[in-house]
């Protein structure tokens, strides 16, 4: 049986640059993930690991995007040294 993933679309838009100029760039990214990302976002926010929800959202989204790439590329030597540390980190996070 084929494993199904959830499909997502992420839209990233420059709003204001650090020099004060208005941003002009945008990116639309379609991707899939084996987890329900909106559920993960709710769980991370509810744990109140960070002082505000925006930081919790950035953290959860960045972590899930990164770890999904690692899973899809598990034989890539780039991730070889990180794999044990990420595994330990995820166990610690889930225990909070």
N, C-alpha and C. Protein backbone atom coordinates (compact mmCIF):
# COMPACT_ATOMS: atom_id res chain seq x y z
N UNK A 1 0.84 -1.18 0.00
CA UNK A 1 0.00 0.00 0.00
C UNK A 1 0.89 1.25 0.00
N UNK A 2 0.55 2.19 -0.82
CA UNK A 2 1.33 3.43 -0.94
C UNK A 2 1.09 4.32 0.28
N UNK A 3 2.18 4.81 0.83
CA UNK A 3 2.10 5.70 1.97
C UNK A 3 1.67 7.09 1.49
N UNK A 4 0.67 7.63 2.12
CA UNK A 4 0.16 8.94 1.73
C UNK A 4 0.70 10.01 2.66
N UNK A 5 0.89 11.18 2.10
CA UNK A 5 1.34 12.34 2.85
C UNK A 5 0.32 13.45 2.75
N UNK A 6 0.41 14.38 3.66
CA UNK A 6 -0.40 15.60 3.59
C UNK A 6 0.28 16.57 2.64
N UNK A 7 -0.49 17.25 1.83
CA UNK A 7 0.05 18.22 0.88
C UNK A 7 -0.18 19.64 1.41
N UNK A 8 0.85 20.47 1.29
CA UNK A 8 0.81 21.83 1.80
C UNK A 8 1.33 22.81 0.76
N UNK A 9 0.98 24.06 0.96
CA UNK A 9 1.55 25.14 0.18
C UNK A 9 1.97 26.24 1.15
N UNK A 10 3.20 26.68 1.01
CA UNK A 10 3.74 27.74 1.85
C UNK A 10 3.99 28.95 0.97
N UNK A 11 3.53 30.10 1.41
CA UNK A 11 3.76 31.35 0.69
C UNK A 11 4.63 32.24 1.58
N UNK A 12 5.77 32.65 1.06
CA UNK A 12 6.70 33.49 1.78
C UNK A 12 6.84 34.80 1.02
N UNK A 13 6.64 35.90 1.70
CA UNK A 13 6.68 37.20 1.04
C UNK A 13 7.52 38.16 1.85
N UNK A 14 8.46 38.82 1.18
CA UNK A 14 9.22 39.90 1.82
C UNK A 14 8.25 41.04 2.11
N UNK A 15 8.28 41.52 3.33
CA UNK A 15 7.42 42.64 3.68
C UNK A 15 8.24 43.94 3.70
N UNK A 16 9.25 43.96 4.56
CA UNK A 16 10.13 45.12 4.68
C UNK A 16 11.54 44.61 4.89
N UNK A 17 12.48 45.21 4.20
CA UNK A 17 13.88 44.84 4.35
C UNK A 17 14.51 45.60 5.50
N UNK A 18 15.62 45.10 6.01
CA UNK A 18 16.25 45.74 7.18
C UNK A 18 16.72 47.16 6.91
N UNK A 19 16.91 47.52 5.63
CA UNK A 19 17.31 48.89 5.30
C UNK A 19 16.11 49.82 5.17
N UNK A 20 14.90 49.28 5.42
CA UNK A 20 13.69 50.09 5.37
C UNK A 20 12.94 50.01 4.04
N UNK A 21 13.57 49.45 3.02
CA UNK A 21 12.90 49.33 1.73
C UNK A 21 11.75 48.33 1.82
N UNK A 22 10.78 48.54 0.96
CA UNK A 22 9.68 47.59 0.85
C UNK A 22 10.18 46.33 0.14
N UNK A 23 9.77 45.19 0.64
CA UNK A 23 10.16 43.94 0.01
C UNK A 23 9.44 43.74 -1.32
N UNK A 24 10.10 43.01 -2.23
CA UNK A 24 9.50 42.79 -3.54
C UNK A 24 9.44 41.31 -3.91
N UNK A 25 10.11 40.47 -3.19
CA UNK A 25 10.21 39.06 -3.55
C UNK A 25 9.16 38.21 -2.85
N UNK A 26 8.78 37.13 -3.51
CA UNK A 26 7.88 36.17 -2.90
C UNK A 26 8.21 34.78 -3.43
N UNK A 27 7.78 33.80 -2.68
CA UNK A 27 8.04 32.40 -3.01
C UNK A 27 6.81 31.59 -2.67
N UNK A 28 6.43 30.69 -3.55
CA UNK A 28 5.34 29.76 -3.28
C UNK A 28 5.92 28.36 -3.39
N UNK A 29 5.81 27.60 -2.32
CA UNK A 29 6.40 26.28 -2.25
C UNK A 29 5.33 25.24 -1.96
N UNK A 30 5.20 24.25 -2.83
CA UNK A 30 4.32 23.12 -2.60
C UNK A 30 5.18 21.98 -2.07
N UNK A 31 4.74 21.33 -1.00
CA UNK A 31 5.50 20.24 -0.41
C UNK A 31 4.55 19.29 0.31
N UNK A 32 5.07 18.13 0.66
CA UNK A 32 4.27 17.19 1.43
C UNK A 32 5.01 16.83 2.71
N UNK A 33 4.24 16.35 3.67
CA UNK A 33 4.79 15.97 4.97
C UNK A 33 3.94 14.86 5.54
N UNK A 34 4.59 13.92 6.19
CA UNK A 34 3.83 12.78 6.74
C UNK A 34 3.01 13.18 7.97
N UNK A 35 3.31 14.31 8.58
CA UNK A 35 2.58 14.77 9.76
C UNK A 35 1.51 15.79 9.40
N UNK A 36 0.54 15.93 10.30
CA UNK A 36 -0.46 16.99 10.21
C UNK A 36 0.20 18.24 10.81
N UNK A 37 0.71 19.11 9.96
CA UNK A 37 1.48 20.26 10.44
C UNK A 37 0.66 21.21 11.30
N UNK A 38 -0.60 21.38 11.01
CA UNK A 38 -1.41 22.28 11.82
C UNK A 38 -1.61 21.72 13.24
N UNK A 39 -1.71 20.42 13.35
CA UNK A 39 -1.78 19.79 14.67
C UNK A 39 -0.46 19.99 15.43
N UNK A 40 0.65 19.77 14.73
CA UNK A 40 1.97 19.97 15.34
C UNK A 40 2.12 21.41 15.83
N UNK A 41 1.70 22.36 15.01
CA UNK A 41 1.78 23.77 15.42
C UNK A 41 0.98 24.02 16.69
N UNK A 42 -0.22 23.46 16.78
CA UNK A 42 -1.04 23.61 17.97
C UNK A 42 -0.37 23.00 19.20
N UNK A 43 0.21 21.83 19.03
CA UNK A 43 0.88 21.15 20.16
C UNK A 43 2.06 21.97 20.65
N UNK A 44 2.89 22.43 19.74
CA UNK A 44 4.08 23.22 20.13
C UNK A 44 3.65 24.52 20.81
N UNK A 45 2.64 25.18 20.26
CA UNK A 45 2.16 26.42 20.89
C UNK A 45 1.63 26.15 22.29
N UNK A 46 0.90 25.05 22.45
CA UNK A 46 0.29 24.75 23.75
C UNK A 46 1.33 24.41 24.82
N UNK A 47 2.50 23.94 24.42
CA UNK A 47 3.55 23.61 25.38
C UNK A 47 4.20 24.86 25.97
N UNK A 48 3.98 26.00 25.35
CA UNK A 48 4.52 27.29 25.80
C UNK A 48 6.02 27.23 26.07
N UNK A 49 6.74 26.63 25.11
CA UNK A 49 8.19 26.55 25.19
C UNK A 49 8.80 27.94 25.01
N UNK A 50 8.13 28.75 24.21
CA UNK A 50 8.59 30.11 23.89
C UNK A 50 7.57 31.12 24.40
N UNK A 51 8.00 32.35 24.52
CA UNK A 51 7.13 33.39 25.09
C UNK A 51 5.97 33.78 24.18
N UNK A 52 6.17 33.68 22.87
CA UNK A 52 5.06 34.07 21.99
C UNK A 52 4.77 33.00 20.94
N UNK A 53 3.55 33.05 20.42
CA UNK A 53 3.09 32.04 19.47
C UNK A 53 3.82 32.12 18.14
N UNK A 54 4.24 33.30 17.73
CA UNK A 54 4.95 33.45 16.47
C UNK A 54 6.28 32.69 16.50
N UNK A 55 7.00 32.81 17.61
CA UNK A 55 8.26 32.09 17.75
C UNK A 55 8.01 30.59 17.75
N UNK A 56 6.98 30.15 18.44
CA UNK A 56 6.63 28.73 18.47
C UNK A 56 6.29 28.23 17.07
N UNK A 57 5.59 29.05 16.30
CA UNK A 57 5.23 28.67 14.93
C UNK A 57 6.46 28.58 14.05
N UNK A 58 7.35 29.56 14.14
CA UNK A 58 8.61 29.54 13.36
C UNK A 58 9.41 28.28 13.69
N UNK A 59 9.53 28.00 14.98
CA UNK A 59 10.28 26.84 15.43
C UNK A 59 9.69 25.54 14.89
N UNK A 60 8.40 25.35 15.10
CA UNK A 60 7.74 24.11 14.69
C UNK A 60 7.80 23.92 13.18
N UNK A 61 7.50 24.97 12.44
CA UNK A 61 7.51 24.86 10.98
C UNK A 61 8.92 24.60 10.45
N UNK A 62 9.90 25.32 10.96
CA UNK A 62 11.28 25.10 10.53
C UNK A 62 11.76 23.70 10.85
N UNK A 63 11.46 23.24 12.05
CA UNK A 63 11.88 21.90 12.46
C UNK A 63 11.22 20.83 11.61
N UNK A 64 9.92 20.96 11.36
CA UNK A 64 9.21 19.95 10.58
C UNK A 64 9.67 19.94 9.12
N UNK A 65 9.94 21.10 8.56
CA UNK A 65 10.44 21.15 7.18
C UNK A 65 11.82 20.49 7.11
N UNK A 66 12.67 20.83 8.06
CA UNK A 66 14.02 20.29 8.08
C UNK A 66 14.03 18.77 8.28
N UNK A 67 13.30 18.29 9.29
CA UNK A 67 13.33 16.86 9.58
C UNK A 67 12.68 16.03 8.48
N UNK A 68 11.70 16.59 7.79
CA UNK A 68 11.09 15.85 6.66
C UNK A 68 12.10 15.70 5.53
N UNK A 69 12.89 16.73 5.27
CA UNK A 69 13.95 16.63 4.26
C UNK A 69 14.96 15.56 4.67
N UNK A 70 15.30 15.53 5.96
CA UNK A 70 16.21 14.49 6.45
C UNK A 70 15.64 13.10 6.22
N UNK A 71 14.36 12.92 6.53
CA UNK A 71 13.72 11.61 6.35
C UNK A 71 13.71 11.18 4.88
N UNK A 72 13.41 12.13 4.01
CA UNK A 72 13.34 11.81 2.57
C UNK A 72 14.72 11.57 1.97
N UNK A 73 15.75 12.00 2.67
CA UNK A 73 17.12 11.86 2.19
C UNK A 73 17.98 11.15 3.22
N UNK A 74 17.43 10.09 3.80
CA UNK A 74 18.09 9.42 4.93
C UNK A 74 19.45 8.83 4.59
N UNK A 75 19.72 8.58 3.32
CA UNK A 75 21.03 8.03 2.93
C UNK A 75 22.04 9.10 2.55
N UNK A 76 21.63 10.36 2.61
CA UNK A 76 22.54 11.45 2.26
C UNK A 76 23.57 11.63 3.38
N UNK A 77 24.85 11.54 3.05
CA UNK A 77 25.88 11.66 4.09
C UNK A 77 25.90 13.02 4.78
N UNK A 78 25.28 14.03 4.20
CA UNK A 78 25.22 15.35 4.82
C UNK A 78 24.59 15.28 6.21
N UNK A 79 23.62 14.39 6.38
CA UNK A 79 22.88 14.31 7.64
C UNK A 79 23.43 13.27 8.62
N UNK A 80 24.46 12.58 8.23
CA UNK A 80 24.99 11.47 9.02
C UNK A 80 25.30 11.86 10.47
N UNK A 81 26.00 12.95 10.66
CA UNK A 81 26.39 13.37 12.01
C UNK A 81 25.22 13.95 12.80
N UNK A 82 24.25 14.51 12.10
CA UNK A 82 23.11 15.14 12.77
C UNK A 82 22.06 14.14 13.25
N UNK A 83 21.94 13.02 12.55
CA UNK A 83 20.86 12.07 12.82
C UNK A 83 20.72 11.70 14.30
N UNK A 84 21.79 11.28 14.99
CA UNK A 84 21.64 10.93 16.41
C UNK A 84 21.20 12.12 17.28
N UNK A 85 21.76 13.29 17.03
CA UNK A 85 21.41 14.47 17.82
C UNK A 85 19.96 14.88 17.59
N UNK A 86 19.51 14.83 16.35
CA UNK A 86 18.12 15.17 16.03
C UNK A 86 17.17 14.17 16.69
N UNK A 87 17.54 12.91 16.65
CA UNK A 87 16.72 11.87 17.30
C UNK A 87 16.58 12.15 18.79
N UNK A 88 17.68 12.46 19.46
CA UNK A 88 17.65 12.78 20.89
C UNK A 88 16.83 14.05 21.14
N UNK A 89 17.02 15.05 20.30
CA UNK A 89 16.30 16.31 20.43
C UNK A 89 14.79 16.09 20.31
N UNK A 90 14.37 15.29 19.32
CA UNK A 90 12.95 15.05 19.11
C UNK A 90 12.34 14.30 20.30
N UNK A 91 13.08 13.38 20.87
CA UNK A 91 12.59 12.66 22.06
C UNK A 91 12.42 13.63 23.23
N UNK A 92 13.39 14.53 23.40
CA UNK A 92 13.30 15.53 24.47
C UNK A 92 12.11 16.46 24.25
N UNK A 93 11.93 16.91 23.02
CA UNK A 93 10.81 17.80 22.69
C UNK A 93 9.47 17.12 22.97
N UNK A 94 9.35 15.87 22.55
CA UNK A 94 8.08 15.15 22.74
C UNK A 94 7.80 14.87 24.21
N UNK A 95 8.82 14.86 25.05
CA UNK A 95 8.62 14.59 26.48
C UNK A 95 8.17 15.83 27.26
N UNK A 96 8.26 17.01 26.64
CA UNK A 96 7.88 18.24 27.34
C UNK A 96 6.38 18.32 27.55
